[in-house]
Amino acid sequence: MTNVYSLDGILVFGLLFICTCAYFKKVPRLKTWLLSEKKGVWGVFYKAAVIGTRLHAAVAIACVVMAFYVLFIK
């Protein structure tokens, strides 16, 4: 049996979410449609996009480390 909620799964989801939102911020139509709200439930997308763009080096390193962990250690 595999765990439904594992820490490494949550970390992978978080990294993918941040990277996806940062990509959405670069696309003009998606930026106005998805990232226009800064508060509430839709504000989570905006905040993840800001994290992805401001901390792009740290997010990239975390993605590489997580990929190495998932592919070779797990």
PDB file of N, CA and C in Angstrom:
ATOM      1  N   MET A   1       0.834  -1.181   0.000  1.00  0.00           N
ATOM      2  CA  MET A   1       0.000   0.000   0.000  1.00  0.00           C
ATOM      3  C   MET A   1       0.879   1.245   0.000  1.00  0.00           C
ATOM      4  N   THR A   2       0.490   2.199  -0.777  1.00  0.00           N
ATOM      5  CA  THR A   2       1.200   3.479  -0.775  1.00  0.00           C
ATOM      6  C   THR A   2       0.422   4.478   0.068  1.00  0.00           C
ATOM      7  N   ASN A   3       1.140   5.421   0.584  1.00  0.00           N
ATOM      8  CA  ASN A   3       0.496   6.469   1.368  1.00  0.00           C
ATOM      9  C   ASN A   3      -0.180   7.460   0.432  1.00  0.00           C
ATOM     10  N   VAL A   4      -1.385   7.834   0.778  1.00  0.00           N
ATOM     11  CA  VAL A   4      -2.093   8.817  -0.034  1.00  0.00           C
ATOM     12  C   VAL A   4      -1.499  10.200   0.198  1.00  0.00           C
ATOM     13  N   TYR A   5      -1.193  10.510   1.424  1.00  0.00           N
ATOM     14  CA  TYR A   5      -0.627  11.810   1.766  1.00  0.00           C
ATOM     15  C   TYR A   5       0.794  11.601   2.269  1.00  0.00           C
ATOM     16  N   SER A   6       1.753  11.801   1.421  1.00  0.00           N
ATOM     17  CA  SER A   6       3.141  11.690   1.827  1.00  0.00           C
ATOM     18  C   SER A   6       3.812  13.055   1.682  1.00  0.00           C
ATOM     19  N   LEU A   7       4.840  13.268   2.440  1.00  0.00           N
ATOM     20  CA  LEU A   7       5.512  14.566   2.432  1.00  0.00           C
ATOM     21  C   LEU A   7       6.144  14.847   1.079  1.00  0.00           C
ATOM     22  N   ASP A   8       6.764  13.838   0.477  1.00  0.00           N
ATOM     23  CA  ASP A   8       7.394  14.088  -0.813  1.00  0.00           C
ATOM     24  C   ASP A   8       6.353  14.366  -1.904  1.00  0.00           C
ATOM     25  N   GLY A   9       5.188  13.774  -1.824  1.00  0.00           N
ATOM     26  CA  GLY A   9       4.123  14.073  -2.780  1.00  0.00           C
ATOM     27  C   GLY A   9       3.608  15.491  -2.644  1.00  0.00           C
ATOM     28  N   ILE A  10       3.489  15.942  -1.400  1.00  0.00           N
ATOM     29  CA  ILE A  10       3.042  17.319  -1.162  1.00  0.00           C
ATOM     30  C   ILE A  10       4.098  18.313  -1.653  1.00  0.00           C
ATOM     31  N   LEU A  11       5.381  17.997  -1.448  1.00  0.00           N
ATOM     32  CA  LEU A  11       6.441  18.883  -1.929  1.00  0.00           C
ATOM     33  C   LEU A  11       6.484  18.941  -3.451  1.00  0.00           C
ATOM     34  N   VAL A  12       6.303  17.798  -4.108  1.00  0.00           N
ATOM     35  CA  VAL A  12       6.269  17.784  -5.573  1.00  0.00           C
ATOM     36  C   VAL A  12       5.090  18.596  -6.079  1.00  0.00           C
ATOM     37  N   PHE A  13       3.931  18.422  -5.469  1.00  0.00           N
ATOM     38  CA  PHE A  13       2.760  19.197  -5.874  1.00  0.00           C
ATOM     39  C   PHE A  13       3.000  20.691  -5.685  1.00  0.00           C
ATOM     40  N   GLY A  14       3.570  21.075  -4.562  1.00  0.00           N
ATOM     41  CA  GLY A  14       3.841  22.490  -4.300  1.00  0.00           C
ATOM     42  C   GLY A  14       4.814  23.086  -5.310  1.00  0.00           C
ATOM     43  N   LEU A  15       5.873  22.359  -5.623  1.00  0.00           N
ATOM     44  CA  LEU A  15       6.833  22.861  -6.598  1.00  0.00           C
ATOM     45  C   LEU A  15       6.222  22.974  -7.987  1.00  0.00           C
ATOM     46  N   LEU A  16       5.459  21.979  -8.386  1.00  0.00           N
ATOM     47  CA  LEU A  16       4.807  22.039  -9.693  1.00  0.00           C
ATOM     48  C   LEU A  16       3.780  23.169  -9.752  1.00  0.00           C
ATOM     49  N   PHE A  17       3.067  23.402  -8.662  1.00  0.00           N
ATOM     50  CA  PHE A  17       2.087  24.482  -8.605  1.00  0.00           C
ATOM     51  C   PHE A  17       2.768  25.840  -8.739  1.00  0.00           C
ATOM     52  N   ILE A  18       3.875  26.027  -8.023  1.00  0.00           N
ATOM     53  CA  ILE A  18       4.606  27.290  -8.090  1.00  0.00           C
ATOM     54  C   ILE A  18       5.178  27.511  -9.486  1.00  0.00           C
ATOM     55  N   CYS A  19       5.747  26.479 -10.078  1.00  0.00           N
ATOM     56  CA  CYS A  19       6.315  26.617 -11.428  1.00  0.00           C
ATOM     57  C   CYS A  19       5.233  26.899 -12.460  1.00  0.00           C
ATOM     58  N   THR A  20       4.088  26.245 -12.332  1.00  0.00           N
ATOM     59  CA  THR A  20       2.996  26.465 -13.274  1.00  0.00           C
ATOM     60  C   THR A  20       2.448  27.882 -13.160  1.00  0.00           C
ATOM     61  N   CYS A  21       2.262  28.362 -11.954  1.00  0.00           N
ATOM     62  CA  CYS A  21       1.753  29.727 -11.776  1.00  0.00           C
ATOM     63  C   CYS A  21       2.750  30.773 -12.267  1.00  0.00           C
ATOM     64  N   ALA A  22       4.049  30.508 -12.082  1.00  0.00           N
ATOM     65  CA  ALA A  22       5.059  31.440 -12.597  1.00  0.00           C
ATOM     66  C   ALA A  22       5.034  31.462 -14.121  1.00  0.00           C
ATOM     67  N   TYR A  23       4.780  30.316 -14.743  1.00  0.00           N
ATOM     68  CA  TYR A  23       4.640  30.278 -16.193  1.00  0.00           C
ATOM     69  C   TYR A  23       3.387  31.041 -16.634  1.00  0.00           C
ATOM     70  N   PHE A  24       2.297  30.865 -15.904  1.00  0.00           N
ATOM     71  CA  PHE A  24       1.062  31.577 -16.236  1.00  0.00           C
ATOM     72  C   PHE A  24       1.257  33.087 -16.179  1.00  0.00           C
ATOM     73  N   LYS A  25       2.141  33.546 -15.312  1.00  0.00           N
ATOM     74  CA  LYS A  25       2.381  34.983 -15.191  1.00  0.00           C
ATOM     75  C   LYS A  25       3.056  35.545 -16.439  1.00  0.00           C
ATOM     76  N   LYS A  26       3.766  34.720 -17.182  1.00  0.00           N
ATOM     77  CA  LYS A  26       4.449  35.166 -18.403  1.00  0.00           C
ATOM     78  C   LYS A  26       3.520  35.195 -19.612  1.00  0.00           C
ATOM     79  N   VAL A  27       2.389  34.486 -19.569  1.00  0.00           N
ATOM     80  CA  VAL A  27       1.450  34.434 -20.691  1.00  0.00           C
ATOM     81  C   VAL A  27       0.390  35.515 -20.465  1.00  0.00           C
ATOM     82  N   PRO A  28       0.266  36.486 -21.382  1.00  0.00           N
ATOM     83  CA  PRO A  28      -0.621  37.643 -21.131  1.00  0.00           C
ATOM     84  C   PRO A  28      -2.082  37.277 -20.890  1.00  0.00           C
ATOM     85  N   ARG A  29      -2.666  36.393 -21.687  1.00  0.00           N
ATOM     86  CA  ARG A  29      -4.082  36.064 -21.493  1.00  0.00           C
ATOM     87  C   ARG A  29      -4.317  35.343 -20.179  1.00  0.00           C
ATOM     88  N   LEU A  30      -3.429  34.440 -19.821  1.00  0.00           N
ATOM     89  CA  LEU A  30      -3.596  33.729 -18.561  1.00  0.00           C
ATOM     90  C   LEU A  30      -3.343  34.627 -17.366  1.00  0.00           C
ATOM     91  N   LYS A  31      -2.449  35.602 -17.546  1.00  0.00           N
ATOM     92  CA  LYS A  31      -2.159  36.528 -16.448  1.00  0.00           C
ATOM     93  C   LYS A  31      -3.395  37.350 -16.095  1.00  0.00           C
ATOM     94  N   THR A  32      -4.098  37.854 -17.107  1.00  0.00           N
ATOM     95  CA  THR A  32      -5.276  38.670 -16.825  1.00  0.00           C
ATOM     96  C   THR A  32      -6.451  37.819 -16.356  1.00  0.00           C
ATOM     97  N   TRP A  33      -6.518  36.591 -16.811  1.00  0.00           N
ATOM     98  CA  TRP A  33      -7.648  35.738 -16.461  1.00  0.00           C
ATOM     99  C   TRP A  33      -7.487  35.076 -15.105  1.00  0.00           C
ATOM    100  N   LEU A  34      -6.299  34.565 -14.827  1.00  0.00           N
ATOM    101  CA  LEU A  34      -6.110  33.744 -13.628  1.00  0.00           C
ATOM    102  C   LEU A  34      -5.445  34.503 -12.487  1.00  0.00           C
ATOM    103  N   LEU A  35      -4.589  35.437 -12.802  1.00  0.00           N
ATOM    104  CA  LEU A  35      -3.787  36.086 -11.758  1.00  0.00           C
ATOM    105  C   LEU A  35      -4.239  37.512 -11.455  1.00  0.00           C
ATOM    106  N   SER A  36      -5.466  37.848 -11.780  1.00  0.00           N
ATOM    107  CA  SER A  36      -5.934  39.214 -11.547  1.00  0.00           C
ATOM    108  C   SER A  36      -6.308  39.462 -10.086  1.00  0.00           C
ATOM    109  N   GLU A  37      -6.786  38.458  -9.388  1.00  0.00           N
ATOM    110  CA  GLU A  37      -7.178  38.613  -7.978  1.00  0.00           C
ATOM    111  C   GLU A  37      -5.953  38.424  -7.083  1.00  0.00           C
ATOM    112  N   LYS A  38      -5.834  39.272  -6.077  1.00  0.00           N
ATOM    113  CA  LYS A  38      -4.709  39.168  -5.158  1.00  0.00           C
ATOM    114  C   LYS A  38      -5.134  38.699  -3.775  1.00  0.00           C
ATOM    115  N   LYS A  39      -6.437  38.554  -3.559  1.00  0.00           N
ATOM    116  CA  LYS A  39      -6.947  38.099  -2.255  1.00  0.00           C
ATOM    117  C   LYS A  39      -7.931  36.967  -2.475  1.00  0.00           C
ATOM    118  N   GLY A  40      -8.173  36.224  -1.425  1.00  0.00           N
ATOM    119  CA  GLY A  40      -9.148  35.147  -1.495  1.00  0.00           C
ATOM    120  C   GLY A  40      -8.558  33.859  -2.060  1.00  0.00           C
ATOM    121  N   VAL A  41      -9.444  32.997  -2.511  1.00  0.00           N
ATOM    122  CA  VAL A  41      -9.027  31.693  -3.026  1.00  0.00           C
ATOM    123  C   VAL A  41      -8.201  31.867  -4.295  1.00  0.00           C
ATOM    124  N   TRP A  42      -8.623  32.746  -5.180  1.00  0.00           N
ATOM    125  CA  TRP A  42      -7.888  32.958  -6.422  1.00  0.00           C
ATOM    126  C   TRP A  42      -6.553  33.655  -6.172  1.00  0.00           C
ATOM    127  N   GLY A  43      -6.383  34.270  -5.031  1.00  0.00           N
ATOM    128  CA  GLY A  43      -5.126  34.914  -4.690  1.00  0.00           C
ATOM    129  C   GLY A  43      -3.991  33.950  -4.468  1.00  0.00           C
ATOM    130  N   VAL A  44      -4.310  32.691  -4.219  1.00  0.00           N
ATOM    131  CA  VAL A  44      -3.278  31.666  -4.046  1.00  0.00           C
ATOM    132  C   VAL A  44      -2.469  31.524  -5.330  1.00  0.00           C
ATOM    133  N   PHE A  45      -3.135  31.598  -6.479  1.00  0.00           N
ATOM    134  CA  PHE A  45      -2.431  31.512  -7.757  1.00  0.00           C
ATOM    135  C   PHE A  45      -1.486  32.698  -7.936  1.00  0.00           C
ATOM    136  N   TYR A  46      -1.954  33.882  -7.572  1.00  0.00           N
ATOM    137  CA  TYR A  46      -1.118  35.080  -7.676  1.00  0.00           C
ATOM    138  C   TYR A  46       0.097  34.985  -6.752  1.00  0.00           C
ATOM    139  N   LYS A  47      -0.123  34.548  -5.532  1.00  0.00           N
ATOM    140  CA  LYS A  47       0.975  34.458  -4.568  1.00  0.00           C
ATOM    141  C   LYS A  47       1.998  33.408  -4.973  1.00  0.00           C
ATOM    142  N   ALA A  48       1.531  32.289  -5.531  1.00  0.00           N
ATOM    143  CA  ALA A  48       2.459  31.266  -6.017  1.00  0.00           C
ATOM    144  C   ALA A  48       3.262  31.789  -7.200  1.00  0.00           C
ATOM    145  N   ALA A  49       2.633  32.591  -8.052  1.00  0.00           N
ATOM    146  CA  ALA A  49       3.349  33.178  -9.190  1.00  0.00           C
ATOM    147  C   ALA A  49       4.413  34.157  -8.722  1.00  0.00           C
ATOM    148  N   VAL A  50       4.108  34.923  -7.693  1.00  0.00           N
ATOM    149  CA  VAL A  50       5.091  35.867  -7.151  1.00  0.00           C
ATOM    150  C   VAL A  50       6.257  35.112  -6.532  1.00  0.00           C
ATOM    151  N   ILE A  51       5.981  34.049  -5.804  1.00  0.00           N
ATOM    152  CA  ILE A  51       7.049  33.232  -5.227  1.00  0.00           C
ATOM    153  C   ILE A  51       7.921  32.649  -6.337  1.00  0.00           C
ATOM    154  N   GLY A  52       7.284  32.147  -7.388  1.00  0.00           N
ATOM    155  CA  GLY A  52       8.026  31.529  -8.483  1.00  0.00           C
ATOM    156  C   GLY A  52       8.897  32.505  -9.243  1.00  0.00           C
ATOM    157  N   THR A  53       8.459  33.747  -9.377  1.00  0.00           N
ATOM    158  CA  THR A  53       9.262  34.722 -10.118  1.00  0.00           C
ATOM    159  C   THR A  53      10.341  35.372  -9.250  1.00  0.00           C
ATOM    160  N   ARG A  54      10.047  35.612  -8.006  1.00  0.00           N
ATOM    161  CA  ARG A  54      11.048  36.265  -7.152  1.00  0.00           C
ATOM    162  C   ARG A  54      12.114  35.295  -6.656  1.00  0.00           C
ATOM    163  N   LEU A  55      11.734  34.061  -6.395  1.00  0.00           N
ATOM    164  CA  LEU A  55      12.680  33.071  -5.898  1.00  0.00           C
ATOM    165  C   LEU A  55      12.978  32.023  -6.965  1.00  0.00           C
ATOM    166  N   HIS A  56      13.138  32.452  -8.211  1.00  0.00           N
ATOM    167  CA  HIS A  56      13.282  31.498  -9.297  1.00  0.00           C
ATOM    168  C   HIS A  56      14.516  30.618  -9.156  1.00  0.00           C
ATOM    169  N   ALA A  57      15.603  31.126  -8.616  1.00  0.00           N
ATOM    170  CA  ALA A  57      16.803  30.300  -8.447  1.00  0.00           C
ATOM    171  C   ALA A  57      16.580  29.220  -7.392  1.00  0.00           C
ATOM    172  N   ALA A  58      15.980  29.583  -6.280  1.00  0.00           N
ATOM    173  CA  ALA A  58      15.721  28.608  -5.216  1.00  0.00           C
ATOM    174  C   ALA A  58      14.695  27.564  -5.655  1.00  0.00           C
ATOM    175  N   VAL A  59      13.686  27.990  -6.399  1.00  0.00           N
ATOM    176  CA  VAL A  59      12.673  27.057  -6.882  1.00  0.00           C
ATOM    177  C   VAL A  59      13.284  26.101  -7.893  1.00  0.00           C
ATOM    178  N   ALA A  60      14.153  26.592  -8.764  1.00  0.00           N
ATOM    179  CA  ALA A  60      14.807  25.732  -9.747  1.00  0.00           C
ATOM    180  C   ALA A  60      15.704  24.703  -9.073  1.00  0.00           C
ATOM    181  N   ILE A  61      16.444  25.120  -8.067  1.00  0.00           N
ATOM    182  CA  ILE A  61      17.300  24.180  -7.337  1.00  0.00           C
ATOM    183  C   ILE A  61      16.453  23.149  -6.605  1.00  0.00           C
ATOM    184  N   ALA A  62      15.354  23.582  -6.011  1.00  0.00           N
ATOM    185  CA  ALA A  62      14.463  22.647  -5.323  1.00  0.00           C
ATOM    186  C   ALA A  62      13.855  21.642  -6.296  1.00  0.00           C
ATOM    187  N   CYS A  63      13.528  22.085  -7.508  1.00  0.00           N
ATOM    188  CA  CYS A  63      12.986  21.167  -8.520  1.00  0.00           C
ATOM    189  C   CYS A  63      14.016  20.127  -8.932  1.00  0.00           C
ATOM    190  N   VAL A  64      15.256  20.540  -9.106  1.00  0.00           N
ATOM    191  CA  VAL A  64      16.313  19.600  -9.486  1.00  0.00           C
ATOM    192  C   VAL A  64      16.569  18.600  -8.364  1.00  0.00           C
ATOM    193  N   VAL A  65      16.619  19.071  -7.143  1.00  0.00           N
ATOM    194  CA  VAL A  65      16.838  18.178  -6.001  1.00  0.00           C
ATOM    195  C   VAL A  65      15.675  17.204  -5.854  1.00  0.00           C
ATOM    196  N   MET A  66      14.460  17.681  -6.008  1.00  0.00           N
ATOM    197  CA  MET A  66      13.297  16.806  -5.876  1.00  0.00           C
ATOM    198  C   MET A  66      13.251  15.792  -7.015  1.00  0.00           C
ATOM    199  N   ALA A  67      13.633  16.202  -8.220  1.00  0.00           N
ATOM    200  CA  ALA A  67      13.666  15.257  -9.346  1.00  0.00           C
ATOM    201  C   ALA A  67      14.688  14.171  -9.093  1.00  0.00           C
ATOM    202  N   PHE A  68      15.859  14.542  -8.572  1.00  0.00           N
ATOM    203  CA  PHE A  68      16.890  13.542  -8.240  1.00  0.00           C
ATOM    204  C   PHE A  68      16.380  12.583  -7.164  1.00  0.00           C
ATOM    205  N   TYR A  69      15.705  13.129  -6.167  1.00  0.00           N
ATOM    206  CA  TYR A  69      15.171  12.295  -5.100  1.00  0.00           C
ATOM    207  C   TYR A  69      14.110  11.308  -5.615  1.00  0.00           C
ATOM    208  N   VAL A  70      13.195  11.796  -6.431  1.00  0.00           N
ATOM    209  CA  VAL A  70      12.118  10.940  -6.930  1.00  0.00           C
ATOM    210  C   VAL A  70      12.654   9.877  -7.887  1.00  0.00           C
ATOM    211  N   LEU A  71      13.605  10.251  -8.724  1.00  0.00           N
ATOM    212  CA  LEU A  71      14.104   9.309  -9.721  1.00  0.00           C
ATOM    213  C   LEU A  71      15.059   8.266  -9.149  1.00  0.00           C
ATOM    214  N   PHE A  72      15.934   8.669  -8.256  1.00  0.00           N
ATOM    215  CA  PHE A  72      17.017   7.771  -7.832  1.00  0.00           C
ATOM    216  C   PHE A  72      16.901   7.250  -6.404  1.00  0.00           C
ATOM    217  N   ILE A  73      16.378   8.031  -5.489  1.00  0.00           N
ATOM    218  CA  ILE A  73      16.353   7.605  -4.092  1.00  0.00           C
ATOM    219  C   ILE A  73      15.052   6.912  -3.749  1.00  0.00           C
ATOM    220  N   LYS A  74      13.968   7.432  -4.212  1.00  0.00           N
ATOM    221  CA  LYS A  74      12.672   6.837  -3.895  1.00  0.00           C
ATOM    222  C   LYS A  74      12.450   5.662  -4.759  1.00  0.00           C
TER     223      LYS A  74
END
